[in-house]
Amino acid sequence: MLKTEGRAKTAARKLGRAAAMGAATAGLVLGSAGMSSAAPGDMTRAKYDQIQFGMTRQQVVDIAGTGTCETSGSSGTSFHCRSGPSGDYFSYANFGFTSAAADGKLNSKSQEGIVPPVAPTLTLSKFNQVTVGMTKAQVLATAGQGSCTTWSERYPAYPSTAGVTISLMCFDVDGFNPGGLSRGSAHFWFTDGVLDGKRQWSLQ
């Protein structure tokens, strides 16, 4: 289903963030494997890139750093890792696992503000050219390869790649703002490499 709406830009952006953050951090619980319930926040691009699918919870902690992340999710299967000590708009990363057990494997990653776009050039015209059913490569060719970063990637049947869901976050020339609301941006959602939804904020 096509995901678009014309709400006021700040309200819409907050709604999008609230939905994503709510899914990632619902049922916050005291962590294990070195996690804390009051993380100071020290997530970086270098750490995010080092954390790979298939890693255990302890391997993720060893890279992220003790105290950087909080355990989240109603069953404790996710880590929420901030780049700053507190506040609604710090950059963050989320890491999901196949189970809350020590041998659970990393099967999902997401981030906002951690990985910047290389050279953002997305416009409303380009956004409107993107249609449901396009491949990821076609969307990137239309939106501009340098405009986009991978916002989330999840393998629900890990280690199988079947059903993989990927979300791209793409920006206009002034849209990327890791410390606050990212205006002039869009999300594109894919399942098994095919676009099944999109949404934009304040593109011109």
N, C-alpha and C. Protein backbone atom coordinates (compact mmCIF):
# COMPACT_ATOMS: atom_id res chain seq x y z
N MET A 1 0.85 -1.19 0.00
CA MET A 1 0.00 0.00 0.00
C MET A 1 0.88 1.24 0.00
N LEU A 2 0.53 2.22 -0.84
CA LEU A 2 1.28 3.46 -0.91
C LEU A 2 1.10 4.25 0.37
N LYS A 3 2.22 4.72 0.93
CA LYS A 3 2.18 5.40 2.23
C LYS A 3 2.51 6.88 2.04
N THR A 4 1.49 7.73 1.90
CA THR A 4 1.70 9.16 1.77
C THR A 4 0.65 9.88 2.60
N GLU A 5 0.99 11.07 3.02
CA GLU A 5 0.01 11.91 3.70
C GLU A 5 0.51 13.32 3.70
N GLY A 6 -0.41 14.28 3.88
CA GLY A 6 -0.05 15.68 3.77
C GLY A 6 -0.15 16.42 5.07
N ARG A 7 0.26 15.83 6.17
CA ARG A 7 0.22 16.53 7.45
C ARG A 7 1.30 17.58 7.52
N ALA A 8 1.18 18.46 8.51
CA ALA A 8 2.20 19.48 8.76
C ALA A 8 3.53 18.78 8.98
N LYS A 9 4.62 19.38 8.47
CA LYS A 9 5.88 18.66 8.41
C LYS A 9 6.41 18.25 9.78
N THR A 10 6.32 19.12 10.77
CA THR A 10 6.86 18.74 12.08
C THR A 10 6.03 17.64 12.70
N ALA A 11 4.73 17.75 12.64
CA ALA A 11 3.85 16.74 13.22
C ALA A 11 4.03 15.41 12.52
N ALA A 12 4.15 15.43 11.20
CA ALA A 12 4.31 14.19 10.45
C ALA A 12 5.64 13.53 10.76
N ARG A 13 6.67 14.35 10.84
CA ARG A 13 7.99 13.77 11.11
C ARG A 13 8.03 13.16 12.51
N LYS A 14 7.43 13.86 13.49
CA LYS A 14 7.38 13.32 14.85
C LYS A 14 6.58 12.02 14.88
N LEU A 15 5.49 11.96 14.12
CA LEU A 15 4.68 10.75 14.08
C LEU A 15 5.49 9.59 13.53
N GLY A 16 6.25 9.84 12.45
CA GLY A 16 7.08 8.79 11.88
C GLY A 16 8.12 8.30 12.86
N ARG A 17 8.77 9.24 13.53
CA ARG A 17 9.78 8.87 14.53
C ARG A 17 9.14 8.12 15.69
N ALA A 18 7.97 8.60 16.13
CA ALA A 18 7.32 7.95 17.27
C ALA A 18 6.96 6.51 16.94
N ALA A 19 6.48 6.27 15.72
CA ALA A 19 6.11 4.91 15.34
C ALA A 19 7.33 4.00 15.32
N ALA A 20 8.42 4.50 14.74
CA ALA A 20 9.64 3.70 14.66
C ALA A 20 10.23 3.46 16.04
N MET A 21 10.31 4.53 16.83
CA MET A 21 10.89 4.39 18.15
C MET A 21 10.01 3.54 19.05
N GLY A 22 8.68 3.67 18.88
CA GLY A 22 7.79 2.85 19.70
C GLY A 22 7.98 1.38 19.42
N ALA A 23 8.12 1.03 18.14
CA ALA A 23 8.33 -0.37 17.78
C ALA A 23 9.66 -0.87 18.30
N ALA A 24 10.65 0.01 18.33
CA ALA A 24 12.00 -0.41 18.71
C ALA A 24 12.18 -0.51 20.21
N THR A 25 11.48 0.34 20.96
CA THR A 25 11.78 0.43 22.39
C THR A 25 10.61 0.08 23.30
N ALA A 26 9.53 -0.46 22.72
CA ALA A 26 8.37 -0.82 23.54
C ALA A 26 8.78 -1.82 24.61
N GLY A 27 8.29 -1.60 25.81
CA GLY A 27 8.56 -2.54 26.89
C GLY A 27 10.00 -2.52 27.34
N LEU A 28 10.60 -1.34 27.49
CA LEU A 28 11.99 -1.22 27.91
C LEU A 28 12.21 -1.95 29.22
N VAL A 29 13.23 -2.80 29.24
CA VAL A 29 13.54 -3.58 30.44
C VAL A 29 15.01 -3.46 30.76
N LEU A 30 15.35 -3.79 32.00
CA LEU A 30 16.75 -3.76 32.40
C LEU A 30 17.51 -4.80 31.61
N GLY A 31 18.61 -4.40 31.01
CA GLY A 31 19.34 -5.26 30.10
C GLY A 31 20.21 -6.28 30.77
N SER A 32 20.81 -7.13 29.92
CA SER A 32 21.78 -8.11 30.34
C SER A 32 22.97 -8.00 29.43
N ALA A 33 23.95 -8.85 29.60
CA ALA A 33 25.14 -8.86 28.75
C ALA A 33 25.76 -7.48 28.67
N GLY A 34 25.82 -6.78 29.82
CA GLY A 34 26.50 -5.49 29.85
C GLY A 34 25.64 -4.30 29.53
N MET A 35 24.35 -4.49 29.24
CA MET A 35 23.47 -3.38 28.93
C MET A 35 23.05 -2.68 30.22
N SER A 36 22.67 -1.40 30.10
CA SER A 36 22.19 -0.66 31.26
C SER A 36 20.86 -0.03 30.94
N SER A 37 20.13 0.38 31.97
CA SER A 37 18.83 1.02 31.77
C SER A 37 18.96 2.53 31.67
N ALA A 38 20.16 3.06 31.76
CA ALA A 38 20.38 4.50 31.66
C ALA A 38 21.66 4.74 30.88
N ALA A 39 21.62 4.35 29.60
CA ALA A 39 22.83 4.39 28.78
C ALA A 39 23.29 5.81 28.51
N PRO A 40 24.60 6.10 28.65
CA PRO A 40 25.11 7.43 28.36
C PRO A 40 25.11 7.74 26.87
N GLY A 41 25.23 6.73 26.02
CA GLY A 41 25.17 6.93 24.58
C GLY A 41 26.52 7.17 23.95
N ASP A 42 26.99 6.21 23.17
CA ASP A 42 28.28 6.35 22.51
C ASP A 42 28.30 5.58 21.19
N MET A 43 27.14 5.51 20.52
CA MET A 43 27.08 4.81 19.25
C MET A 43 27.66 5.70 18.14
N THR A 44 28.48 5.10 17.28
CA THR A 44 29.12 5.83 16.18
C THR A 44 28.93 5.07 14.87
N ARG A 45 29.24 5.73 13.76
CA ARG A 45 29.19 5.08 12.45
C ARG A 45 30.16 3.90 12.39
N ALA A 46 31.36 4.07 12.92
CA ALA A 46 32.36 3.00 12.88
C ALA A 46 31.86 1.77 13.62
N LYS A 47 31.26 1.97 14.78
CA LYS A 47 30.73 0.83 15.54
C LYS A 47 29.57 0.17 14.79
N TYR A 48 28.69 1.00 14.24
CA TYR A 48 27.53 0.46 13.53
C TYR A 48 27.96 -0.41 12.36
N ASP A 49 28.96 0.04 11.62
CA ASP A 49 29.44 -0.72 10.47
C ASP A 49 30.12 -2.02 10.88
N GLN A 50 30.72 -2.05 12.06
CA GLN A 50 31.40 -3.26 12.53
C GLN A 50 30.42 -4.35 12.97
N ILE A 51 29.24 -3.95 13.37
CA ILE A 51 28.25 -4.90 13.88
C ILE A 51 27.55 -5.57 12.70
N GLN A 52 27.70 -6.90 12.61
CA GLN A 52 27.25 -7.65 11.45
C GLN A 52 26.14 -8.65 11.81
N PHE A 53 25.30 -8.95 10.82
CA PHE A 53 24.26 -9.95 11.00
C PHE A 53 24.88 -11.29 11.39
N GLY A 54 24.22 -11.98 12.31
CA GLY A 54 24.71 -13.27 12.79
C GLY A 54 25.51 -13.18 14.07
N MET A 55 25.87 -11.96 14.50
CA MET A 55 26.60 -11.81 15.76
C MET A 55 25.70 -12.12 16.95
N THR A 56 26.32 -12.53 18.05
CA THR A 56 25.59 -12.76 19.29
C THR A 56 25.41 -11.44 20.03
N ARG A 57 24.58 -11.46 21.05
CA ARG A 57 24.35 -10.27 21.87
C ARG A 57 25.67 -9.78 22.47
N GLN A 58 26.48 -10.71 22.98
CA GLN A 58 27.73 -10.31 23.61
C GLN A 58 28.69 -9.69 22.61
N GLN A 59 28.73 -10.23 21.39
CA GLN A 59 29.60 -9.65 20.36
C GLN A 59 29.18 -8.23 20.02
N VAL A 60 27.88 -7.97 19.99
CA VAL A 60 27.40 -6.61 19.74
C VAL A 60 27.79 -5.69 20.88
N VAL A 61 27.63 -6.15 22.11
CA VAL A 61 28.02 -5.36 23.28
C VAL A 61 29.51 -5.05 23.25
N ASP A 62 30.32 -6.03 22.88
CA ASP A 62 31.77 -5.82 22.85
C ASP A 62 32.16 -4.70 21.89
N ILE A 63 31.41 -4.55 20.80
CA ILE A 63 31.70 -3.49 19.83
C ILE A 63 31.06 -2.17 20.26
N ALA A 64 29.78 -2.22 20.63
CA ALA A 64 29.06 -0.99 20.98
C ALA A 64 29.61 -0.35 22.25
N GLY A 65 30.07 -1.17 23.18
CA GLY A 65 30.58 -0.66 24.44
C GLY A 65 29.58 -0.85 25.56
N THR A 66 30.04 -1.31 26.68
CA THR A 66 29.17 -1.52 27.84
C THR A 66 28.52 -0.20 28.26
N GLY A 67 27.21 -0.20 28.38
CA GLY A 67 26.49 1.00 28.80
C GLY A 67 26.01 1.87 27.66
N THR A 68 26.41 1.57 26.42
CA THR A 68 25.97 2.38 25.28
C THR A 68 24.51 2.11 24.93
N CYS A 69 24.04 0.90 25.18
CA CYS A 69 22.72 0.48 24.72
C CYS A 69 21.81 0.07 25.86
N GLU A 70 20.51 0.08 25.56
CA GLU A 70 19.48 -0.43 26.47
C GLU A 70 18.82 -1.63 25.82
N THR A 71 18.46 -2.61 26.63
CA THR A 71 17.66 -3.71 26.12
C THR A 71 16.23 -3.23 25.94
N SER A 72 15.61 -3.58 24.82
CA SER A 72 14.26 -3.11 24.53
C SER A 72 13.45 -4.23 23.92
N GLY A 73 12.17 -3.95 23.68
CA GLY A 73 11.27 -4.97 23.17
C GLY A 73 10.61 -5.71 24.32
N SER A 74 9.36 -6.10 24.15
CA SER A 74 8.61 -6.73 25.23
C SER A 74 9.24 -8.03 25.69
N SER A 75 9.99 -8.70 24.81
CA SER A 75 10.66 -9.94 25.19
C SER A 75 12.16 -9.78 25.30
N GLY A 76 12.63 -8.54 25.27
CA GLY A 76 14.05 -8.27 25.45
C GLY A 76 14.92 -8.73 24.31
N THR A 77 14.38 -8.71 23.08
CA THR A 77 15.14 -9.21 21.94
C THR A 77 15.86 -8.13 21.15
N SER A 78 15.86 -6.89 21.63
CA SER A 78 16.48 -5.80 20.88
C SER A 78 17.35 -4.93 21.79
N PHE A 79 18.31 -4.25 21.17
CA PHE A 79 19.12 -3.23 21.83
C PHE A 79 18.83 -1.89 21.17
N HIS A 80 18.69 -0.85 21.97
CA HIS A 80 18.54 0.52 21.48
C HIS A 80 19.76 1.30 21.94
N CYS A 81 20.52 1.84 20.99
CA CYS A 81 21.83 2.44 21.29
C CYS A 81 21.86 3.88 20.79
N ARG A 82 22.06 4.83 21.69
CA ARG A 82 22.04 6.25 21.33
C ARG A 82 23.45 6.79 21.12
N SER A 83 23.52 7.88 20.38
CA SER A 83 24.80 8.57 20.18
C SER A 83 25.03 9.64 21.22
N GLY A 84 23.99 9.95 22.03
CA GLY A 84 24.09 10.97 23.07
C GLY A 84 23.45 10.49 24.34
N PRO A 85 23.56 11.26 25.43
CA PRO A 85 23.11 10.79 26.74
C PRO A 85 21.60 10.75 26.93
N SER A 86 20.87 11.61 26.25
CA SER A 86 19.43 11.65 26.45
C SER A 86 18.82 12.54 25.39
N GLY A 87 17.50 12.70 25.43
CA GLY A 87 16.84 13.61 24.51
C GLY A 87 16.19 12.87 23.36
N ASP A 88 15.16 13.47 22.79
CA ASP A 88 14.34 12.83 21.78
C ASP A 88 15.03 12.71 20.44
N TYR A 89 15.98 13.59 20.14
CA TYR A 89 16.47 13.66 18.77
C TYR A 89 17.95 13.32 18.61
N PHE A 90 18.52 12.59 19.54
CA PHE A 90 19.87 12.11 19.32
C PHE A 90 19.85 11.01 18.27
N SER A 91 20.94 10.90 17.50
CA SER A 91 21.08 9.80 16.56
C SER A 91 21.08 8.50 17.35
N TYR A 92 20.61 7.44 16.72
CA TYR A 92 20.51 6.16 17.43
C TYR A 92 20.63 4.99 16.46
N ALA A 93 20.85 3.81 17.03
CA ALA A 93 20.83 2.56 16.28
C ALA A 93 20.06 1.53 17.07
N ASN A 94 19.37 0.64 16.36
CA ASN A 94 18.66 -0.47 16.99
C ASN A 94 19.20 -1.78 16.42
N PHE A 95 19.31 -2.79 17.28
CA PHE A 95 19.79 -4.10 16.86
C PHE A 95 18.83 -5.16 17.41
N GLY A 96 18.29 -5.99 16.52
CA GLY A 96 17.35 -7.03 16.92
C GLY A 96 17.95 -8.41 16.77
N PHE A 97 17.51 -9.33 17.61
CA PHE A 97 18.06 -10.68 17.65
C PHE A 97 16.96 -11.72 17.48
N THR A 98 17.37 -12.92 17.06
CA THR A 98 16.42 -14.00 16.84
C THR A 98 15.76 -14.45 18.14
N SER A 99 16.41 -14.22 19.26
CA SER A 99 15.84 -14.54 20.57
C SER A 99 16.56 -13.73 21.63
N ALA A 100 16.00 -13.74 22.85
CA ALA A 100 16.63 -13.04 23.96
C ALA A 100 17.70 -13.88 24.64
N ALA A 101 17.88 -15.12 24.18
CA ALA A 101 18.89 -16.00 24.76
C ALA A 101 20.29 -15.53 24.38
N ALA A 102 21.27 -15.98 25.13
CA ALA A 102 22.65 -15.56 24.89
C ALA A 102 23.13 -15.93 23.49
N ASP A 103 22.58 -17.03 22.93
CA ASP A 103 23.01 -17.46 21.60
C ASP A 103 22.12 -16.91 20.49
N GLY A 104 21.22 -15.97 20.82
CA GLY A 104 20.41 -15.33 19.80
C GLY A 104 21.28 -14.59 18.80
N LYS A 105 20.92 -14.64 17.52
CA LYS A 105 21.73 -14.04 16.47
C LYS A 105 21.12 -12.72 15.99
N LEU A 106 21.99 -11.78 15.65
CA LEU A 106 21.54 -10.49 15.13
C LEU A 106 20.86 -10.70 13.78
N ASN A 107 19.59 -10.30 13.68
CA ASN A 107 18.87 -10.45 12.41
C ASN A 107 18.25 -9.15 11.92
N SER A 108 18.46 -8.04 12.65
CA SER A 108 17.97 -6.76 12.16
C SER A 108 18.83 -5.61 12.67
N LYS A 109 18.99 -4.61 11.83
CA LYS A 109 19.73 -3.39 12.17
C LYS A 109 18.93 -2.20 11.65
N SER A 110 18.92 -1.12 12.42
CA SER A 110 18.35 0.13 11.93
C SER A 110 19.08 1.29 12.57
N GLN A 111 19.03 2.44 11.91
CA GLN A 111 19.73 3.61 12.42
C GLN A 111 19.06 4.87 11.91
N GLU A 112 19.23 5.93 12.65
CA GLU A 112 18.83 7.26 12.18
C GLU A 112 19.88 8.26 12.63
N GLY A 113 20.46 8.96 11.67
CA GLY A 113 21.46 9.97 11.97
C GLY A 113 22.86 9.43 12.15
N ILE A 114 23.03 8.10 12.16
CA ILE A 114 24.35 7.51 12.33
C ILE A 114 25.10 7.47 11.00
N VAL A 115 24.41 7.08 9.93
CA VAL A 115 25.02 6.95 8.60
C VAL A 115 24.47 8.06 7.71
N PRO A 116 25.26 9.06 7.36
CA PRO A 116 24.77 10.18 6.56
C PRO A 116 24.72 9.83 5.07
N PRO A 117 23.88 10.53 4.31
CA PRO A 117 23.90 10.36 2.86
C PRO A 117 25.19 10.96 2.29
N VAL A 118 25.65 10.42 1.17
CA VAL A 118 26.91 10.88 0.58
C VAL A 118 26.75 12.24 -0.09
N ALA A 119 25.72 12.37 -0.92
CA ALA A 119 25.50 13.62 -1.67
C ALA A 119 24.00 13.73 -1.98
N PRO A 120 23.18 14.17 -1.02
CA PRO A 120 21.74 14.15 -1.19
C PRO A 120 21.23 15.14 -2.23
N THR A 121 20.36 14.64 -3.11
CA THR A 121 19.79 15.48 -4.18
C THR A 121 18.31 15.16 -4.42
N LEU A 122 17.66 14.49 -3.50
CA LEU A 122 16.27 14.09 -3.71
C LEU A 122 15.37 15.32 -3.83
N THR A 123 14.42 15.25 -4.73
CA THR A 123 13.41 16.30 -4.91
C THR A 123 12.02 15.66 -4.93
N LEU A 124 11.00 16.49 -4.82
CA LEU A 124 9.63 15.99 -4.89
C LEU A 124 9.36 15.36 -6.25
N SER A 125 9.92 15.95 -7.30
CA SER A 125 9.75 15.41 -8.64
C SER A 125 10.31 13.99 -8.74
N LYS A 126 11.50 13.79 -8.20
CA LYS A 126 12.10 12.45 -8.21
C LYS A 126 11.27 11.48 -7.38
N PHE A 127 10.82 11.94 -6.21
CA PHE A 127 9.99 11.10 -5.35
C PHE A 127 8.75 10.63 -6.09
N ASN A 128 8.11 11.54 -6.81
CA ASN A 128 6.87 11.20 -7.52
C ASN A 128 7.10 10.24 -8.67
N GLN A 129 8.34 10.15 -9.17
CA GLN A 129 8.66 9.20 -10.23
C GLN A 129 8.82 7.78 -9.72
N VAL A 130 9.01 7.65 -8.42
CA VAL A 130 9.18 6.33 -7.81
C VAL A 130 7.80 5.70 -7.61
N THR A 131 7.62 4.48 -8.08
CA THR A 131 6.33 3.81 -7.99
C THR A 131 6.46 2.44 -7.33
N VAL A 132 5.40 2.04 -6.66
CA VAL A 132 5.35 0.72 -6.02
C VAL A 132 5.60 -0.36 -7.07
N GLY A 133 6.42 -1.35 -6.71
CA GLY A 133 6.76 -2.42 -7.64
C GLY A 133 8.16 -2.28 -8.22
N MET A 134 8.76 -1.08 -8.08
CA MET A 134 10.14 -0.89 -8.53
C MET A 134 11.09 -1.72 -7.67
N THR A 135 12.24 -2.08 -8.25
CA THR A 135 13.28 -2.73 -7.48
C THR A 135 14.07 -1.69 -6.70
N LYS A 136 14.84 -2.15 -5.75
CA LYS A 136 15.67 -1.23 -4.97
C LYS A 136 16.63 -0.47 -5.88
N ALA A 137 17.23 -1.17 -6.85
CA ALA A 137 18.16 -0.53 -7.77
C ALA A 137 17.47 0.57 -8.58
N GLN A 138 16.24 0.32 -9.00
CA GLN A 138 15.49 1.32 -9.77
C GLN A 138 15.17 2.55 -8.91
N VAL A 139 14.81 2.32 -7.66
CA VAL A 139 14.51 3.44 -6.77
C VAL A 139 15.76 4.28 -6.54
N LEU A 140 16.89 3.64 -6.30
CA LEU A 140 18.14 4.38 -6.08
C LEU A 140 18.55 5.15 -7.32
N ALA A 141 18.33 4.58 -8.49
CA ALA A 141 18.67 5.27 -9.73
C ALA A 141 17.79 6.51 -9.92
N THR A 142 16.56 6.44 -9.46
CA THR A 142 15.63 7.56 -9.60
C THR A 142 15.84 8.62 -8.52
N ALA A 143 15.96 8.18 -7.28
CA ALA A 143 16.11 9.12 -6.16
C ALA A 143 17.51 9.71 -6.09
N GLY A 144 18.49 8.98 -6.61
CA GLY A 144 19.89 9.41 -6.51
C GLY A 144 20.62 8.55 -5.50
N GLN A 145 21.59 7.78 -5.96
CA GLN A 145 22.31 6.86 -5.09
C GLN A 145 22.87 7.56 -3.85
N GLY A 146 23.41 8.77 -4.05
CA GLY A 146 24.01 9.49 -2.93
C GLY A 146 23.02 10.14 -1.99
N SER A 147 21.73 10.07 -2.33
CA SER A 147 20.70 10.69 -1.49
C SER A 147 20.26 9.80 -0.34
N CYS A 148 20.56 8.50 -0.43
CA CYS A 148 19.92 7.54 0.45
C CYS A 148 20.89 6.79 1.36
N THR A 149 20.39 6.39 2.51
CA THR A 149 21.08 5.48 3.41
C THR A 149 20.10 4.37 3.79
N THR A 150 20.63 3.23 4.21
CA THR A 150 19.76 2.15 4.67
C THR A 150 19.32 2.47 6.09
N TRP A 151 18.04 2.70 6.26
CA TRP A 151 17.48 3.04 7.57
C TRP A 151 17.27 1.78 8.40
N SER A 152 16.79 0.71 7.75
CA SER A 152 16.60 -0.54 8.48
C SER A 152 16.74 -1.72 7.53
N GLU A 153 17.15 -2.86 8.08
CA GLU A 153 17.29 -4.10 7.33
C GLU A 153 16.99 -5.25 8.29
N ARG A 154 16.06 -6.12 7.90
CA ARG A 154 15.64 -7.20 8.80
C ARG A 154 15.44 -8.51 8.03
N TYR A 155 15.95 -9.59 8.61
CA TYR A 155 15.82 -10.93 8.05
C TYR A 155 14.95 -11.76 9.00
N PRO A 156 13.64 -11.84 8.76
CA PRO A 156 12.72 -12.49 9.71
C PRO A 156 12.94 -13.99 9.84
N ALA A 157 13.54 -14.62 8.82
CA ALA A 157 13.78 -16.06 8.87
C ALA A 157 15.27 -16.37 8.91
N TYR A 158 16.05 -15.46 9.52
CA TYR A 158 17.50 -15.60 9.55
C TYR A 158 17.89 -17.01 10.02
N PRO A 159 18.90 -17.64 9.32
CA PRO A 159 19.83 -17.07 8.34
C PRO A 159 19.32 -17.03 6.90
N SER A 160 18.10 -17.48 6.65
CA SER A 160 17.53 -17.36 5.31
C SER A 160 17.33 -15.89 4.96
N THR A 161 17.47 -15.55 3.69
CA THR A 161 17.22 -14.18 3.24
C THR A 161 15.78 -13.98 2.77
N ALA A 162 14.97 -15.04 2.84
CA ALA A 162 13.58 -14.94 2.40
C ALA A 162 12.81 -13.95 3.26
N GLY A 163 12.05 -13.09 2.61
CA GLY A 163 11.22 -12.13 3.32
C GLY A 163 11.96 -10.93 3.87
N VAL A 164 13.19 -10.71 3.42
CA VAL A 164 13.98 -9.59 3.93
C VAL A 164 13.24 -8.27 3.69
N THR A 165 13.20 -7.43 4.71
CA THR A 165 12.60 -6.10 4.58
C THR A 165 13.69 -5.05 4.76
N ILE A 166 13.69 -4.08 3.87
CA ILE A 166 14.68 -3.00 3.89
C ILE A 166 13.95 -1.68 3.75
N SER A 167 14.39 -0.69 4.51
CA SER A 167 13.86 0.66 4.39
C SER A 167 15.01 1.61 4.08
N LEU A 168 14.84 2.39 3.03
CA LEU A 168 15.81 3.44 2.70
C LEU A 168 15.28 4.78 3.20
N MET A 169 16.18 5.60 3.72
CA MET A 169 15.83 6.98 4.06
C MET A 169 16.66 7.88 3.15
N CYS A 170 15.97 8.74 2.39
CA CYS A 170 16.63 9.57 1.39
C CYS A 170 16.34 11.04 1.66
N PHE A 171 17.27 11.91 1.25
CA PHE A 171 17.22 13.31 1.66
C PHE A 171 17.39 14.26 0.49
N ASP A 172 16.82 15.48 0.66
CA ASP A 172 17.15 16.54 -0.28
C ASP A 172 18.47 17.18 0.16
N VAL A 173 18.90 18.20 -0.54
CA VAL A 173 20.24 18.75 -0.32
C VAL A 173 20.43 19.27 1.10
N ASP A 174 19.37 19.72 1.75
CA ASP A 174 19.47 20.25 3.12
C ASP A 174 18.71 19.41 4.14
N GLY A 175 18.30 18.20 3.75
CA GLY A 175 17.39 17.44 4.60
C GLY A 175 18.01 16.70 5.76
N PHE A 176 19.30 16.32 5.65
CA PHE A 176 19.88 15.49 6.71
C PHE A 176 20.24 16.33 7.92
N ASN A 177 19.71 15.94 9.08
CA ASN A 177 19.96 16.67 10.32
C ASN A 177 20.05 15.67 11.46
N PRO A 178 21.25 15.14 11.75
CA PRO A 178 21.38 14.08 12.75
C PRO A 178 21.00 14.50 14.16
N GLY A 179 20.97 15.81 14.44
CA GLY A 179 20.66 16.26 15.79
C GLY A 179 19.23 16.70 15.98
N GLY A 180 18.39 16.54 14.95
CA GLY A 180 17.02 17.01 15.08
C GLY A 180 16.13 16.41 14.02
N LEU A 181 15.04 17.09 13.71
CA LEU A 181 14.11 16.61 12.70
C LEU A 181 14.76 16.68 11.33
N SER A 182 14.66 15.59 10.57
CA SER A 182 15.23 15.56 9.22
C SER A 182 14.15 15.97 8.23
N ARG A 183 14.15 17.24 7.84
CA ARG A 183 13.18 17.74 6.89
C ARG A 183 13.69 17.51 5.47
N GLY A 184 12.79 17.54 4.51
CA GLY A 184 13.19 17.28 3.15
C GLY A 184 13.72 15.87 2.99
N SER A 185 12.87 14.88 3.33
CA SER A 185 13.32 13.49 3.32
C SER A 185 12.19 12.56 2.92
N ALA A 186 12.54 11.30 2.67
CA ALA A 186 11.55 10.30 2.30
C ALA A 186 11.99 8.93 2.78
N HIS A 187 11.02 8.07 3.02
CA HIS A 187 11.27 6.66 3.31
C HIS A 187 10.73 5.82 2.15
N PHE A 188 11.47 4.76 1.82
CA PHE A 188 11.02 3.78 0.83
C PHE A 188 11.14 2.40 1.47
N TRP A 189 10.05 1.63 1.46
CA TRP A 189 10.02 0.31 2.09
C TRP A 189 10.03 -0.80 1.04
N PHE A 190 10.86 -1.81 1.26
CA PHE A 190 10.99 -2.93 0.32
C PHE A 190 10.79 -4.26 1.04
N THR A 191 10.21 -5.21 0.34
CA THR A 191 10.17 -6.60 0.78
C THR A 191 10.72 -7.46 -0.34
N ASP A 192 11.72 -8.26 -0.02
CA ASP A 192 12.40 -9.08 -1.03
C ASP A 192 12.83 -8.25 -2.24
N GLY A 193 13.30 -7.03 -1.97
CA GLY A 193 13.88 -6.19 -3.01
C GLY A 193 12.90 -5.43 -3.87
N VAL A 194 11.60 -5.48 -3.54
CA VAL A 194 10.57 -4.80 -4.33
C VAL A 194 9.88 -3.74 -3.47
N LEU A 195 9.71 -2.54 -4.03
CA LEU A 195 9.11 -1.43 -3.28
C LEU A 195 7.63 -1.69 -3.02
N ASP A 196 7.23 -1.63 -1.74
CA ASP A 196 5.81 -1.78 -1.42
C ASP A 196 5.25 -0.59 -0.65
N GLY A 197 6.03 0.48 -0.48
CA GLY A 197 5.51 1.67 0.16
C GLY A 197 6.50 2.81 0.15
N LYS A 198 5.99 4.03 0.25
CA LYS A 198 6.86 5.21 0.30
C LYS A 198 6.15 6.32 1.06
N ARG A 199 6.93 7.27 1.57
CA ARG A 199 6.38 8.42 2.28
C ARG A 199 7.42 9.53 2.25
N GLN A 200 6.96 10.79 2.18
CA GLN A 200 7.90 11.91 2.11
C GLN A 200 7.50 13.00 3.08
N TRP A 201 8.50 13.76 3.49
CA TRP A 201 8.32 14.90 4.38
C TRP A 201 8.96 16.14 3.77
N SER A 202 8.16 17.13 3.42
CA SER A 202 8.63 18.48 3.08
C SER A 202 9.55 18.55 1.88
N LEU A 203 9.44 17.60 0.96
CA LEU A 203 10.24 17.70 -0.27
C LEU A 203 9.67 18.79 -1.17
N GLN A 204 10.56 19.39 -1.95
CA GLN A 204 10.13 20.43 -2.90
C GLN A 204 10.65 20.11 -4.29
